[in-house]
């Protein structure tokens, strides 16, 4: 009986820790997914940018990880001239941006599948200790093979300032973040941007569930 109580208390303690507010140093993580089925089998480009609002924007970074979907074609020359600015790495590995330059852009060729997804982790002083300076903006868009039109958007000509994007995440002056998705020509939103728990939080939840399961199994065994 005492051991059962110990297991139950441990599970409760782990759950409390998992639900407690995380430290700012962990960053803000979004899972970004895009329905690319309308272009399945076609060649195009994925384009990402992380740019400051102006030269006084507080320093921040974005790390792109866990990219899946489609077939990447790194040999295709990008129509945008990217990579440009402070960006490093190569998909499907980790791409790292910071907002120290006016334009920080990554473009890579891709043969589209039915969908793609990746994690975007925002970090740095603008998240951890915001000073109220102008925010920054992460932008995701797609281009066709010759770069003449944007894809998965209601603004293929790119006439409006942001509507050619499929999704954006604004890093605000107070350190908060605002995700936005944009409709395609038919009015549907091909992208979803959802908050993703930190890996450590997922592990804590799994540990708590394991302990609760052990407690339940012991109860059943006693009966």
N, C-alpha and C. Protein backbone atom coordinates (compact mmCIF):
# COMPACT_ATOMS: atom_id res chain seq x y z
N UNK A 1 0.83 -1.21 0.00
CA UNK A 1 0.00 0.00 0.00
C UNK A 1 0.86 1.26 0.00
N UNK A 2 1.92 1.24 0.85
CA UNK A 2 2.80 2.40 0.92
C UNK A 2 3.51 2.62 -0.41
N UNK A 3 3.90 1.53 -1.05
CA UNK A 3 4.57 1.66 -2.35
C UNK A 3 3.62 2.24 -3.39
N UNK A 4 2.36 1.82 -3.36
CA UNK A 4 1.36 2.35 -4.28
C UNK A 4 1.21 3.86 -4.11
N UNK A 5 1.18 4.28 -2.83
CA UNK A 5 1.05 5.71 -2.56
C UNK A 5 2.26 6.47 -3.07
N UNK A 6 3.43 5.90 -2.90
CA UNK A 6 4.66 6.54 -3.38
C UNK A 6 4.63 6.73 -4.89
N UNK A 7 4.20 5.70 -5.61
CA UNK A 7 4.11 5.79 -7.07
C UNK A 7 3.13 6.88 -7.48
N UNK A 8 1.98 6.93 -6.77
CA UNK A 8 0.96 7.93 -7.10
C UNK A 8 1.47 9.34 -6.83
N UNK A 9 2.17 9.54 -5.72
CA UNK A 9 2.73 10.86 -5.39
C UNK A 9 3.80 11.27 -6.40
N UNK A 10 4.61 10.30 -6.81
CA UNK A 10 5.64 10.59 -7.82
C UNK A 10 5.01 11.03 -9.13
N UNK A 11 3.96 10.30 -9.55
CA UNK A 11 3.26 10.66 -10.79
C UNK A 11 2.69 12.06 -10.71
N UNK A 12 2.07 12.38 -9.57
CA UNK A 12 1.49 13.71 -9.39
C UNK A 12 2.57 14.78 -9.43
N UNK A 13 3.71 14.51 -8.78
CA UNK A 13 4.80 15.48 -8.77
C UNK A 13 5.36 15.73 -10.15
N UNK A 14 5.54 14.67 -10.92
CA UNK A 14 6.05 14.82 -12.28
C UNK A 14 5.08 15.61 -13.14
N UNK A 15 3.77 15.36 -12.98
CA UNK A 15 2.76 16.09 -13.75
C UNK A 15 2.77 17.57 -13.41
N UNK A 16 2.94 17.89 -12.13
CA UNK A 16 3.00 19.30 -11.72
C UNK A 16 4.19 19.99 -12.38
N UNK A 17 5.33 19.33 -12.39
CA UNK A 17 6.52 19.91 -13.03
C UNK A 17 6.30 20.10 -14.52
N UNK A 18 5.65 19.12 -15.16
CA UNK A 18 5.41 19.21 -16.60
C UNK A 18 4.48 20.36 -16.94
N UNK A 19 3.50 20.63 -16.05
CA UNK A 19 2.53 21.68 -16.32
C UNK A 19 3.00 23.05 -15.86
N UNK A 20 4.10 23.11 -15.11
CA UNK A 20 4.59 24.39 -14.63
C UNK A 20 5.14 25.21 -15.79
N UNK A 21 5.08 26.54 -15.69
CA UNK A 21 5.63 27.39 -16.76
C UNK A 21 7.10 27.07 -16.98
N UNK A 22 7.49 26.94 -18.24
CA UNK A 22 8.87 26.61 -18.57
C UNK A 22 9.72 27.86 -18.53
N UNK A 23 11.03 27.67 -18.42
CA UNK A 23 11.94 28.81 -18.42
C UNK A 23 11.99 29.42 -19.81
N UNK A 24 12.24 30.74 -19.84
CA UNK A 24 12.26 31.44 -21.11
C UNK A 24 13.38 30.96 -22.01
N UNK A 25 14.46 30.41 -21.40
CA UNK A 25 15.60 29.99 -22.20
C UNK A 25 15.27 28.83 -23.12
N UNK A 26 14.15 28.14 -22.85
CA UNK A 26 13.79 27.00 -23.68
C UNK A 26 13.29 27.44 -25.05
N UNK A 27 12.90 28.68 -25.21
CA UNK A 27 12.43 29.17 -26.50
C UNK A 27 10.96 28.85 -26.73
N UNK A 28 10.48 29.26 -27.89
CA UNK A 28 9.10 29.04 -28.31
C UNK A 28 9.13 28.16 -29.55
N UNK A 29 8.37 27.06 -29.52
CA UNK A 29 8.43 26.08 -30.61
C UNK A 29 7.07 25.98 -31.29
N UNK A 30 7.09 26.03 -32.62
CA UNK A 30 5.88 25.82 -33.42
C UNK A 30 6.11 24.65 -34.38
N UNK A 31 5.06 23.85 -34.53
CA UNK A 31 5.02 22.84 -35.59
C UNK A 31 4.28 23.46 -36.76
N UNK A 32 4.96 23.57 -37.90
CA UNK A 32 4.37 24.16 -39.10
C UNK A 32 4.18 23.05 -40.14
N UNK A 33 2.94 22.87 -40.57
CA UNK A 33 2.61 21.84 -41.55
C UNK A 33 1.90 22.49 -42.74
N UNK A 34 2.17 21.98 -43.94
CA UNK A 34 1.58 22.55 -45.15
C UNK A 34 1.04 21.43 -46.02
N UNK A 35 -0.21 21.57 -46.45
CA UNK A 35 -0.82 20.65 -47.41
C UNK A 35 -0.35 21.05 -48.81
N UNK A 36 0.52 20.26 -49.40
CA UNK A 36 1.09 20.58 -50.72
C UNK A 36 0.53 19.67 -51.81
N UNK A 37 -0.58 19.00 -51.53
CA UNK A 37 -1.10 17.99 -52.46
C UNK A 37 -1.49 18.58 -53.81
N UNK A 38 -1.85 19.86 -53.86
CA UNK A 38 -2.24 20.46 -55.14
C UNK A 38 -1.07 20.58 -56.11
N UNK A 39 0.16 20.48 -55.58
CA UNK A 39 1.36 20.55 -56.43
C UNK A 39 2.15 19.24 -56.38
N UNK A 40 1.53 18.17 -55.90
CA UNK A 40 2.25 16.90 -55.75
C UNK A 40 2.88 16.45 -57.07
N UNK A 41 4.16 16.12 -57.01
CA UNK A 41 4.90 15.70 -58.19
C UNK A 41 5.52 16.84 -58.98
N UNK A 42 5.17 18.07 -58.65
CA UNK A 42 5.70 19.24 -59.34
C UNK A 42 6.95 19.77 -58.62
N UNK A 43 7.82 20.39 -59.40
CA UNK A 43 9.03 20.98 -58.82
C UNK A 43 8.82 22.45 -58.52
N UNK A 44 9.32 22.88 -57.37
CA UNK A 44 9.23 24.28 -57.00
C UNK A 44 10.28 24.61 -55.96
N UNK A 45 9.99 25.61 -55.13
CA UNK A 45 10.95 26.03 -54.11
C UNK A 45 10.23 26.34 -52.81
N UNK A 46 10.88 25.97 -51.72
CA UNK A 46 10.46 26.42 -50.40
C UNK A 46 11.34 27.59 -50.02
N UNK A 47 10.72 28.65 -49.52
CA UNK A 47 11.45 29.88 -49.20
C UNK A 47 11.09 30.31 -47.78
N UNK A 48 12.11 30.57 -46.97
CA UNK A 48 11.91 31.02 -45.59
C UNK A 48 12.75 32.26 -45.33
N UNK A 49 12.19 33.18 -44.57
CA UNK A 49 12.92 34.38 -44.18
C UNK A 49 12.67 34.68 -42.71
N UNK A 50 13.66 35.31 -42.07
CA UNK A 50 13.49 35.83 -40.72
C UNK A 50 14.15 37.19 -40.68
N UNK A 51 13.33 38.25 -40.72
CA UNK A 51 13.83 39.59 -40.90
C UNK A 51 13.40 40.52 -39.76
N UNK A 52 14.27 41.47 -39.40
CA UNK A 52 13.92 42.43 -38.36
C UNK A 52 12.94 43.47 -38.88
N UNK A 53 12.18 44.04 -37.95
CA UNK A 53 11.28 45.12 -38.33
C UNK A 53 12.03 46.36 -38.77
N UNK A 54 13.13 46.64 -38.11
CA UNK A 54 14.05 47.71 -38.54
C UNK A 54 15.39 47.43 -37.88
N UNK A 55 16.31 48.36 -38.04
CA UNK A 55 17.67 48.11 -37.54
C UNK A 55 17.77 48.09 -36.03
N UNK A 56 16.69 48.44 -35.31
CA UNK A 56 16.74 48.44 -33.85
C UNK A 56 16.09 47.20 -33.25
N UNK A 57 15.67 46.25 -34.07
CA UNK A 57 15.04 45.03 -33.55
C UNK A 57 16.01 44.28 -32.64
N UNK A 58 15.49 43.79 -31.52
CA UNK A 58 16.32 43.04 -30.59
C UNK A 58 16.71 41.70 -31.20
N UNK A 59 17.90 41.22 -30.84
CA UNK A 59 18.44 40.00 -31.45
C UNK A 59 17.57 38.78 -31.14
N UNK A 60 17.36 37.95 -32.16
CA UNK A 60 16.60 36.71 -32.01
C UNK A 60 17.07 35.71 -33.05
N UNK A 61 16.77 34.45 -32.80
CA UNK A 61 17.13 33.38 -33.73
C UNK A 61 15.92 32.50 -33.99
N UNK A 62 15.95 31.80 -35.12
CA UNK A 62 14.99 30.75 -35.45
C UNK A 62 15.76 29.54 -35.94
N UNK A 63 15.48 28.38 -35.37
CA UNK A 63 16.08 27.12 -35.81
C UNK A 63 15.00 26.25 -36.44
N UNK A 64 15.23 25.82 -37.67
CA UNK A 64 14.32 24.93 -38.39
C UNK A 64 14.85 23.51 -38.27
N UNK A 65 14.05 22.61 -37.69
CA UNK A 65 14.49 21.23 -37.50
C UNK A 65 13.35 20.28 -37.87
N UNK A 66 13.71 18.99 -38.01
CA UNK A 66 12.70 17.96 -38.21
C UNK A 66 11.95 18.07 -39.53
N UNK A 67 12.59 18.59 -40.56
CA UNK A 67 11.90 18.77 -41.84
C UNK A 67 11.59 17.42 -42.48
N UNK A 68 10.33 17.23 -42.91
CA UNK A 68 9.92 16.04 -43.64
C UNK A 68 8.93 16.44 -44.73
N UNK A 69 8.90 15.65 -45.80
CA UNK A 69 7.92 15.87 -46.86
C UNK A 69 8.56 16.24 -48.18
N UNK A 70 8.05 15.64 -49.26
CA UNK A 70 8.57 15.93 -50.58
C UNK A 70 9.98 15.39 -50.77
N UNK A 71 10.60 15.75 -51.90
CA UNK A 71 11.97 15.36 -52.20
C UNK A 71 12.77 16.62 -52.47
N UNK A 72 13.71 16.91 -51.60
CA UNK A 72 14.49 18.14 -51.74
C UNK A 72 15.43 18.04 -52.94
N UNK A 73 15.62 19.16 -53.63
CA UNK A 73 16.47 19.26 -54.81
C UNK A 73 17.47 20.39 -54.60
N UNK A 74 18.51 20.15 -53.78
CA UNK A 74 19.44 21.24 -53.45
C UNK A 74 20.24 21.75 -54.64
N UNK A 75 20.27 20.99 -55.75
CA UNK A 75 21.04 21.43 -56.91
C UNK A 75 20.34 22.49 -57.76
N UNK A 76 19.05 22.72 -57.53
CA UNK A 76 18.34 23.71 -58.33
C UNK A 76 18.74 25.12 -57.91
N UNK A 77 19.13 25.98 -58.87
CA UNK A 77 19.50 27.36 -58.50
C UNK A 77 18.27 28.14 -58.04
N UNK A 78 18.31 28.71 -56.84
CA UNK A 78 17.13 29.41 -56.31
C UNK A 78 16.85 30.70 -57.08
N UNK A 79 15.59 30.98 -57.39
CA UNK A 79 15.25 32.20 -58.12
C UNK A 79 15.37 33.45 -57.27
N UNK A 80 15.50 33.30 -55.96
CA UNK A 80 15.54 34.46 -55.08
C UNK A 80 16.96 34.95 -54.80
N UNK A 81 17.98 34.19 -55.21
CA UNK A 81 19.34 34.56 -54.86
C UNK A 81 19.75 34.13 -53.48
N UNK A 82 18.88 33.45 -52.76
CA UNK A 82 19.19 32.96 -51.41
C UNK A 82 20.13 31.75 -51.48
N UNK A 83 20.84 31.40 -50.41
CA UNK A 83 20.70 32.02 -49.09
C UNK A 83 21.33 33.41 -49.04
N UNK A 84 20.77 34.23 -48.17
CA UNK A 84 21.26 35.59 -48.01
C UNK A 84 21.19 35.98 -46.55
N UNK A 85 22.11 36.82 -46.12
CA UNK A 85 22.10 37.29 -44.75
C UNK A 85 22.62 36.25 -43.77
N UNK A 86 22.13 36.33 -42.55
CA UNK A 86 22.60 35.44 -41.48
C UNK A 86 21.74 34.19 -41.42
N UNK A 87 22.08 33.22 -42.27
CA UNK A 87 21.39 31.93 -42.29
C UNK A 87 22.43 30.86 -42.61
N UNK A 88 22.34 29.72 -41.93
CA UNK A 88 23.30 28.64 -42.15
C UNK A 88 22.59 27.31 -42.08
N UNK A 89 23.19 26.29 -42.71
CA UNK A 89 22.64 24.95 -42.69
C UNK A 89 22.02 24.58 -44.01
N UNK A 90 21.54 23.35 -44.08
CA UNK A 90 20.95 22.82 -45.31
C UNK A 90 19.86 21.83 -44.94
N UNK A 91 18.67 22.01 -45.51
CA UNK A 91 17.61 21.04 -45.29
C UNK A 91 17.99 19.70 -45.90
N UNK A 92 17.58 18.57 -45.32
CA UNK A 92 16.62 18.43 -44.20
C UNK A 92 17.25 18.54 -42.83
N UNK A 93 18.51 19.00 -42.76
CA UNK A 93 19.14 19.24 -41.46
C UNK A 93 18.64 20.53 -40.84
N UNK A 94 19.39 21.02 -39.88
CA UNK A 94 19.00 22.23 -39.15
C UNK A 94 19.37 23.48 -39.93
N UNK A 95 18.40 24.38 -40.09
CA UNK A 95 18.64 25.70 -40.65
C UNK A 95 18.54 26.70 -39.52
N UNK A 96 19.52 27.58 -39.40
CA UNK A 96 19.53 28.57 -38.33
C UNK A 96 19.55 29.98 -38.91
N UNK A 97 18.57 30.79 -38.49
CA UNK A 97 18.49 32.20 -38.87
C UNK A 97 18.77 33.07 -37.65
N UNK A 98 19.30 34.28 -37.90
CA UNK A 98 19.15 35.34 -36.91
C UNK A 98 18.72 36.60 -37.63
N UNK A 99 18.34 37.59 -36.87
CA UNK A 99 17.77 38.81 -37.45
C UNK A 99 18.73 39.99 -37.47
N UNK A 100 20.04 39.68 -37.50
CA UNK A 100 21.03 40.75 -37.44
C UNK A 100 21.17 41.50 -38.76
N UNK A 101 20.78 40.87 -39.86
CA UNK A 101 20.84 41.53 -41.16
C UNK A 101 19.43 41.97 -41.58
N UNK A 102 19.37 42.86 -42.57
CA UNK A 102 18.07 43.34 -43.05
C UNK A 102 17.25 42.22 -43.67
N UNK A 103 17.90 41.35 -44.47
CA UNK A 103 17.23 40.22 -45.10
C UNK A 103 18.01 38.95 -44.80
N UNK A 104 17.32 37.97 -44.24
CA UNK A 104 17.92 36.67 -43.92
C UNK A 104 17.01 35.60 -44.51
N UNK A 105 17.47 34.98 -45.61
CA UNK A 105 16.57 34.17 -46.44
C UNK A 105 17.24 32.86 -46.84
N UNK A 106 16.41 31.80 -46.85
CA UNK A 106 16.86 30.48 -47.30
C UNK A 106 15.86 29.95 -48.32
N UNK A 107 16.37 29.46 -49.46
CA UNK A 107 15.51 28.89 -50.50
C UNK A 107 16.12 27.57 -50.97
N UNK A 108 15.27 26.57 -51.16
CA UNK A 108 15.76 25.28 -51.67
C UNK A 108 14.72 24.65 -52.58
N UNK A 109 15.20 23.98 -53.64
CA UNK A 109 14.32 23.29 -54.56
C UNK A 109 13.68 22.08 -53.92
N UNK A 110 12.47 21.75 -54.37
CA UNK A 110 11.75 20.61 -53.82
C UNK A 110 10.77 20.07 -54.85
N UNK A 111 10.67 18.75 -54.92
CA UNK A 111 9.57 18.11 -55.64
C UNK A 111 8.50 17.83 -54.60
N UNK A 112 7.37 18.47 -54.74
CA UNK A 112 6.35 18.41 -53.70
C UNK A 112 5.72 17.02 -53.59
N UNK A 113 5.45 16.64 -52.35
CA UNK A 113 4.63 15.48 -52.07
C UNK A 113 3.25 15.95 -51.65
N UNK A 114 2.58 15.16 -50.83
CA UNK A 114 1.24 15.54 -50.39
C UNK A 114 1.27 16.55 -49.25
N UNK A 115 2.38 16.59 -48.49
CA UNK A 115 2.49 17.50 -47.36
C UNK A 115 3.94 17.65 -46.96
N UNK A 116 4.20 18.62 -46.12
CA UNK A 116 5.51 18.77 -45.50
C UNK A 116 5.32 19.41 -44.13
N UNK A 117 6.32 19.27 -43.27
CA UNK A 117 6.23 19.84 -41.94
C UNK A 117 7.63 20.03 -41.37
N UNK A 118 7.72 20.91 -40.38
CA UNK A 118 8.98 21.14 -39.67
C UNK A 118 8.69 21.87 -38.37
N UNK A 119 9.68 21.89 -37.49
CA UNK A 119 9.61 22.65 -36.25
C UNK A 119 10.39 23.95 -36.41
N UNK A 120 9.83 25.04 -35.89
CA UNK A 120 10.51 26.33 -35.87
C UNK A 120 10.65 26.76 -34.41
N UNK A 121 11.89 26.88 -33.93
CA UNK A 121 12.15 27.23 -32.54
C UNK A 121 12.71 28.65 -32.47
N UNK A 122 11.97 29.54 -31.79
CA UNK A 122 12.37 30.93 -31.65
C UNK A 122 13.06 31.12 -30.31
N UNK A 123 14.20 31.84 -30.34
CA UNK A 123 14.97 32.00 -29.12
C UNK A 123 15.75 33.30 -29.17
N UNK A 124 16.50 33.57 -28.11
CA UNK A 124 17.32 34.76 -28.06
C UNK A 124 16.77 35.81 -27.10
N UNK A 125 17.50 36.90 -26.91
CA UNK A 125 17.07 37.95 -25.98
C UNK A 125 15.68 38.50 -26.26
N UNK A 126 15.27 38.59 -27.54
CA UNK A 126 13.94 39.12 -27.86
C UNK A 126 12.83 38.25 -27.31
N UNK A 127 13.13 36.96 -27.04
CA UNK A 127 12.17 36.04 -26.41
C UNK A 127 12.37 36.03 -24.89
N UNK A 128 13.63 35.94 -24.46
CA UNK A 128 13.93 35.72 -23.05
C UNK A 128 13.82 36.98 -22.21
N UNK A 129 14.34 38.09 -22.74
CA UNK A 129 14.36 39.35 -21.99
C UNK A 129 13.98 40.50 -22.92
N UNK A 130 12.75 40.53 -23.42
CA UNK A 130 12.36 41.55 -24.40
C UNK A 130 12.48 42.97 -23.85
N UNK A 131 12.99 43.87 -24.70
CA UNK A 131 13.19 45.25 -24.26
C UNK A 131 12.21 46.23 -24.91
N UNK A 132 11.21 45.69 -25.62
CA UNK A 132 10.20 46.55 -26.21
C UNK A 132 10.56 47.13 -27.55
N UNK A 133 11.68 46.71 -28.12
CA UNK A 133 12.06 47.23 -29.44
C UNK A 133 11.20 46.59 -30.53
N UNK A 134 11.35 47.08 -31.76
CA UNK A 134 10.55 46.58 -32.87
C UNK A 134 10.73 45.08 -33.05
N UNK A 135 9.65 44.38 -33.38
CA UNK A 135 9.69 42.93 -33.52
C UNK A 135 10.31 42.48 -34.83
N UNK A 136 10.28 41.17 -35.05
CA UNK A 136 10.81 40.54 -36.27
C UNK A 136 9.75 39.60 -36.82
N UNK A 137 9.97 39.12 -38.05
CA UNK A 137 8.95 38.30 -38.71
C UNK A 137 9.58 37.11 -39.42
N UNK A 138 9.06 35.91 -39.10
CA UNK A 138 9.41 34.71 -39.85
C UNK A 138 8.36 34.50 -40.93
N UNK A 139 8.79 34.28 -42.18
CA UNK A 139 7.88 34.12 -43.30
C UNK A 139 8.16 32.81 -44.03
N UNK A 140 7.09 32.12 -44.43
CA UNK A 140 7.19 30.90 -45.21
C UNK A 140 6.37 31.06 -46.48
N UNK A 141 7.02 30.88 -47.63
CA UNK A 141 6.30 30.91 -48.90
C UNK A 141 6.90 29.88 -49.84
N UNK A 142 6.24 29.68 -50.98
CA UNK A 142 6.66 28.69 -51.97
C UNK A 142 6.57 29.31 -53.36
N UNK A 143 7.49 28.90 -54.23
CA UNK A 143 7.51 29.40 -55.60
C UNK A 143 7.45 28.24 -56.58
N UNK A 144 6.95 28.51 -57.79
CA UNK A 144 6.97 27.49 -58.82
C UNK A 144 8.39 27.32 -59.37
N UNK A 145 8.56 26.43 -60.34
CA UNK A 145 9.90 26.03 -60.76
C UNK A 145 10.73 27.18 -61.34
N UNK A 146 10.11 28.09 -62.04
CA UNK A 146 10.88 29.21 -62.62
C UNK A 146 10.78 30.48 -61.80
N UNK A 147 10.16 30.40 -60.63
CA UNK A 147 10.09 31.55 -59.74
C UNK A 147 9.15 32.65 -60.19
N UNK A 148 8.25 32.34 -61.12
CA UNK A 148 7.36 33.37 -61.67
C UNK A 148 6.07 33.54 -60.87
N UNK A 149 5.78 32.63 -59.96
CA UNK A 149 4.53 32.72 -59.19
C UNK A 149 4.70 32.06 -57.83
N UNK A 150 4.00 32.59 -56.84
CA UNK A 150 3.95 31.98 -55.53
C UNK A 150 2.87 30.91 -55.51
N UNK A 151 3.08 29.88 -54.68
CA UNK A 151 2.18 28.73 -54.60
C UNK A 151 1.45 28.70 -53.27
N UNK A 152 0.30 28.00 -53.25
CA UNK A 152 -0.51 27.79 -52.04
C UNK A 152 -0.96 29.12 -51.43
N UNK A 153 -1.26 30.09 -52.27
CA UNK A 153 -1.63 31.42 -51.82
C UNK A 153 -2.67 32.02 -52.74
N UNK A 154 -3.45 32.96 -52.22
CA UNK A 154 -4.40 33.70 -53.05
C UNK A 154 -3.74 34.87 -53.77
N UNK A 155 -2.44 35.06 -53.53
CA UNK A 155 -1.71 36.18 -54.13
C UNK A 155 -0.49 35.67 -54.88
N UNK A 156 -0.68 34.88 -55.95
CA UNK A 156 0.47 34.27 -56.65
C UNK A 156 1.42 35.29 -57.26
N UNK A 157 0.93 36.50 -57.55
CA UNK A 157 1.80 37.53 -58.13
C UNK A 157 2.61 38.27 -57.06
N UNK A 158 2.28 38.05 -55.80
CA UNK A 158 3.01 38.71 -54.72
C UNK A 158 2.75 40.20 -54.66
N UNK A 159 1.52 40.63 -54.97
CA UNK A 159 1.21 42.06 -55.00
C UNK A 159 1.03 42.66 -53.61
N UNK A 160 0.54 41.87 -52.66
CA UNK A 160 0.32 42.38 -51.32
C UNK A 160 1.53 42.10 -50.43
N UNK A 161 1.77 42.92 -49.43
CA UNK A 161 3.01 42.82 -48.66
C UNK A 161 3.28 41.46 -48.05
N UNK A 162 2.24 40.79 -47.53
CA UNK A 162 2.47 39.51 -46.85
C UNK A 162 1.57 38.39 -47.36
N UNK A 163 0.57 38.69 -48.17
CA UNK A 163 -0.40 37.68 -48.55
C UNK A 163 0.15 36.59 -49.47
N UNK A 164 1.34 36.80 -50.03
CA UNK A 164 1.94 35.74 -50.83
C UNK A 164 2.51 34.64 -49.94
N UNK A 165 2.63 34.91 -48.64
CA UNK A 165 3.10 33.89 -47.71
C UNK A 165 2.04 32.83 -47.49
N UNK A 166 2.48 31.67 -47.09
CA UNK A 166 1.58 30.61 -46.64
C UNK A 166 1.37 30.73 -45.13
N UNK A 167 2.44 31.11 -44.43
CA UNK A 167 2.36 31.28 -42.97
C UNK A 167 3.44 32.26 -42.52
N UNK A 168 3.15 32.96 -41.42
CA UNK A 168 4.14 33.82 -40.78
C UNK A 168 4.05 33.61 -39.27
N UNK A 169 5.15 33.92 -38.59
CA UNK A 169 5.16 34.00 -37.13
C UNK A 169 5.82 35.32 -36.78
N UNK A 170 5.05 36.22 -36.18
CA UNK A 170 5.57 37.51 -35.77
C UNK A 170 6.14 37.40 -34.37
N UNK A 171 7.37 37.87 -34.20
CA UNK A 171 7.97 37.99 -32.88
C UNK A 171 7.73 39.42 -32.41
N UNK A 172 6.88 39.58 -31.40
CA UNK A 172 6.43 40.90 -30.99
C UNK A 172 7.39 41.58 -30.02
N UNK A 173 7.19 42.86 -29.81
CA UNK A 173 8.10 43.65 -28.99
C UNK A 173 8.11 43.21 -27.53
N UNK A 174 7.04 42.54 -27.08
CA UNK A 174 6.98 42.08 -25.69
C UNK A 174 7.46 40.65 -25.51
N UNK A 175 8.02 40.05 -26.59
CA UNK A 175 8.53 38.68 -26.51
C UNK A 175 7.51 37.62 -26.85
N UNK A 176 6.26 38.01 -27.04
CA UNK A 176 5.23 37.05 -27.45
C UNK A 176 5.35 36.78 -28.95
N UNK A 177 4.68 35.75 -29.41
CA UNK A 177 4.71 35.39 -30.83
C UNK A 177 3.28 35.24 -31.35
N UNK A 178 3.09 35.63 -32.61
CA UNK A 178 1.76 35.58 -33.22
C UNK A 178 1.83 34.83 -34.55
N UNK A 179 1.31 33.59 -34.62
CA UNK A 179 1.30 32.85 -35.89
C UNK A 179 0.09 33.26 -36.73
N UNK A 180 0.28 33.30 -38.05
CA UNK A 180 -0.80 33.62 -38.99
C UNK A 180 -0.68 32.72 -40.21
N UNK A 181 -1.81 32.20 -40.68
CA UNK A 181 -1.82 31.47 -41.95
C UNK A 181 -2.67 32.25 -42.95
N UNK A 182 -2.38 32.02 -44.24
CA UNK A 182 -3.02 32.80 -45.30
C UNK A 182 -3.76 31.85 -46.25
N UNK A 183 -4.91 32.27 -46.76
CA UNK A 183 -5.71 31.38 -47.62
C UNK A 183 -5.12 31.24 -49.01
N UNK A 184 -5.45 30.13 -49.67
CA UNK A 184 -5.08 29.94 -51.07
C UNK A 184 -6.18 30.51 -51.96
N UNK A 185 -6.07 30.27 -53.26
CA UNK A 185 -7.03 30.84 -54.21
C UNK A 185 -8.45 30.39 -53.90
N UNK A 186 -8.60 29.17 -53.42
CA UNK A 186 -9.94 28.67 -53.09
C UNK A 186 -10.45 29.09 -51.74
N UNK A 187 -9.63 29.81 -50.97
CA UNK A 187 -10.04 30.28 -49.66
C UNK A 187 -9.64 29.38 -48.51
N UNK A 188 -9.06 28.22 -48.81
CA UNK A 188 -8.62 27.30 -47.75
C UNK A 188 -7.24 27.74 -47.23
N UNK A 189 -6.95 27.38 -46.00
CA UNK A 189 -5.63 27.63 -45.42
C UNK A 189 -4.83 26.33 -45.52
N UNK A 190 -3.84 26.32 -46.39
CA UNK A 190 -3.06 25.10 -46.59
C UNK A 190 -2.08 24.83 -45.45
N UNK A 191 -1.76 25.85 -44.67
CA UNK A 191 -0.80 25.70 -43.58
C UNK A 191 -1.49 25.68 -42.23
N UNK A 192 -0.90 24.97 -41.30
CA UNK A 192 -1.30 25.03 -39.90
C UNK A 192 -0.04 25.32 -39.07
N UNK A 193 -0.20 26.18 -38.08
CA UNK A 193 0.91 26.53 -37.18
C UNK A 193 0.42 26.31 -35.76
N UNK A 194 0.98 25.32 -35.09
CA UNK A 194 0.52 24.96 -33.75
C UNK A 194 1.69 24.94 -32.78
N UNK A 195 1.42 25.34 -31.54
CA UNK A 195 2.46 25.31 -30.51
C UNK A 195 2.88 23.87 -30.25
N UNK A 196 4.16 23.67 -30.13
CA UNK A 196 4.69 22.34 -29.87
C UNK A 196 5.34 22.34 -28.50
N UNK A 197 5.05 21.34 -27.67
CA UNK A 197 5.70 21.28 -26.36
C UNK A 197 7.18 21.00 -26.50
N UNK A 198 7.94 21.46 -25.51
CA UNK A 198 9.37 21.18 -25.52
C UNK A 198 9.59 19.67 -25.34
N UNK A 199 10.68 19.13 -25.89
CA UNK A 199 10.96 17.70 -25.73
C UNK A 199 11.00 17.28 -24.26
N UNK A 200 11.55 18.14 -23.40
CA UNK A 200 11.63 17.79 -21.98
C UNK A 200 10.24 17.66 -21.37
N UNK A 201 9.30 18.52 -21.81
CA UNK A 201 7.94 18.45 -21.30
C UNK A 201 7.28 17.16 -21.74
N UNK A 202 7.48 16.78 -23.01
CA UNK A 202 6.93 15.50 -23.50
C UNK A 202 7.45 14.34 -22.69
N UNK A 203 8.75 14.36 -22.34
CA UNK A 203 9.34 13.27 -21.56
C UNK A 203 8.72 13.21 -20.17
N UNK A 204 8.48 14.38 -19.57
CA UNK A 204 7.87 14.41 -18.25
C UNK A 204 6.46 13.84 -18.28
N UNK A 205 5.67 14.22 -19.29
CA UNK A 205 4.32 13.67 -19.42
C UNK A 205 4.37 12.16 -19.59
N UNK A 206 5.30 11.66 -20.41
CA UNK A 206 5.43 10.23 -20.63
C UNK A 206 5.79 9.52 -19.34
N UNK A 207 6.69 10.12 -18.55
CA UNK A 207 7.08 9.53 -17.27
C UNK A 207 5.89 9.46 -16.33
N UNK A 208 5.11 10.57 -16.27
CA UNK A 208 3.94 10.59 -15.39
C UNK A 208 2.92 9.54 -15.80
N UNK A 209 2.68 9.42 -17.11
CA UNK A 209 1.73 8.42 -17.59
C UNK A 209 2.21 7.00 -17.28
N UNK A 210 3.52 6.78 -17.40
CA UNK A 210 4.07 5.45 -17.09
C UNK A 210 3.87 5.12 -15.61
N UNK A 211 4.11 6.10 -14.74
CA UNK A 211 3.92 5.87 -13.31
C UNK A 211 2.45 5.60 -12.98
N UNK A 212 1.55 6.36 -13.60
CA UNK A 212 0.11 6.14 -13.38
C UNK A 212 -0.31 4.76 -13.87
N UNK A 213 0.25 4.35 -15.00
CA UNK A 213 -0.06 3.02 -15.53
C UNK A 213 0.43 1.93 -14.58
N UNK A 214 1.63 2.12 -14.02
CA UNK A 214 2.18 1.15 -13.06
C UNK A 214 1.29 1.09 -11.82
N UNK A 215 0.85 2.27 -11.35
CA UNK A 215 -0.04 2.31 -10.18
C UNK A 215 -1.33 1.55 -10.47
N UNK A 216 -1.90 1.76 -11.65
CA UNK A 216 -3.16 1.10 -12.03
C UNK A 216 -2.97 -0.42 -12.12
N UNK A 217 -1.84 -0.85 -12.71
CA UNK A 217 -1.58 -2.29 -12.84
C UNK A 217 -1.45 -2.95 -11.47
N UNK A 218 -0.81 -2.24 -10.53
CA UNK A 218 -0.65 -2.80 -9.19
C UNK A 218 -2.02 -2.89 -8.50
N UNK A 219 -2.89 -1.90 -8.72
CA UNK A 219 -4.23 -1.94 -8.13
C UNK A 219 -5.00 -3.16 -8.66
N UNK A 220 -4.91 -3.37 -9.98
CA UNK A 220 -5.61 -4.51 -10.60
C UNK A 220 -5.05 -5.81 -10.06
N UNK A 221 -3.71 -5.86 -9.87
CA UNK A 221 -3.08 -7.07 -9.36
C UNK A 221 -3.52 -7.42 -7.95
N UNK A 222 -3.77 -6.37 -7.13
CA UNK A 222 -4.21 -6.59 -5.77
C UNK A 222 -5.61 -7.18 -5.72
N UNK A 223 -6.49 -6.72 -6.66
CA UNK A 223 -7.86 -7.23 -6.70
C UNK A 223 -7.82 -8.66 -7.14
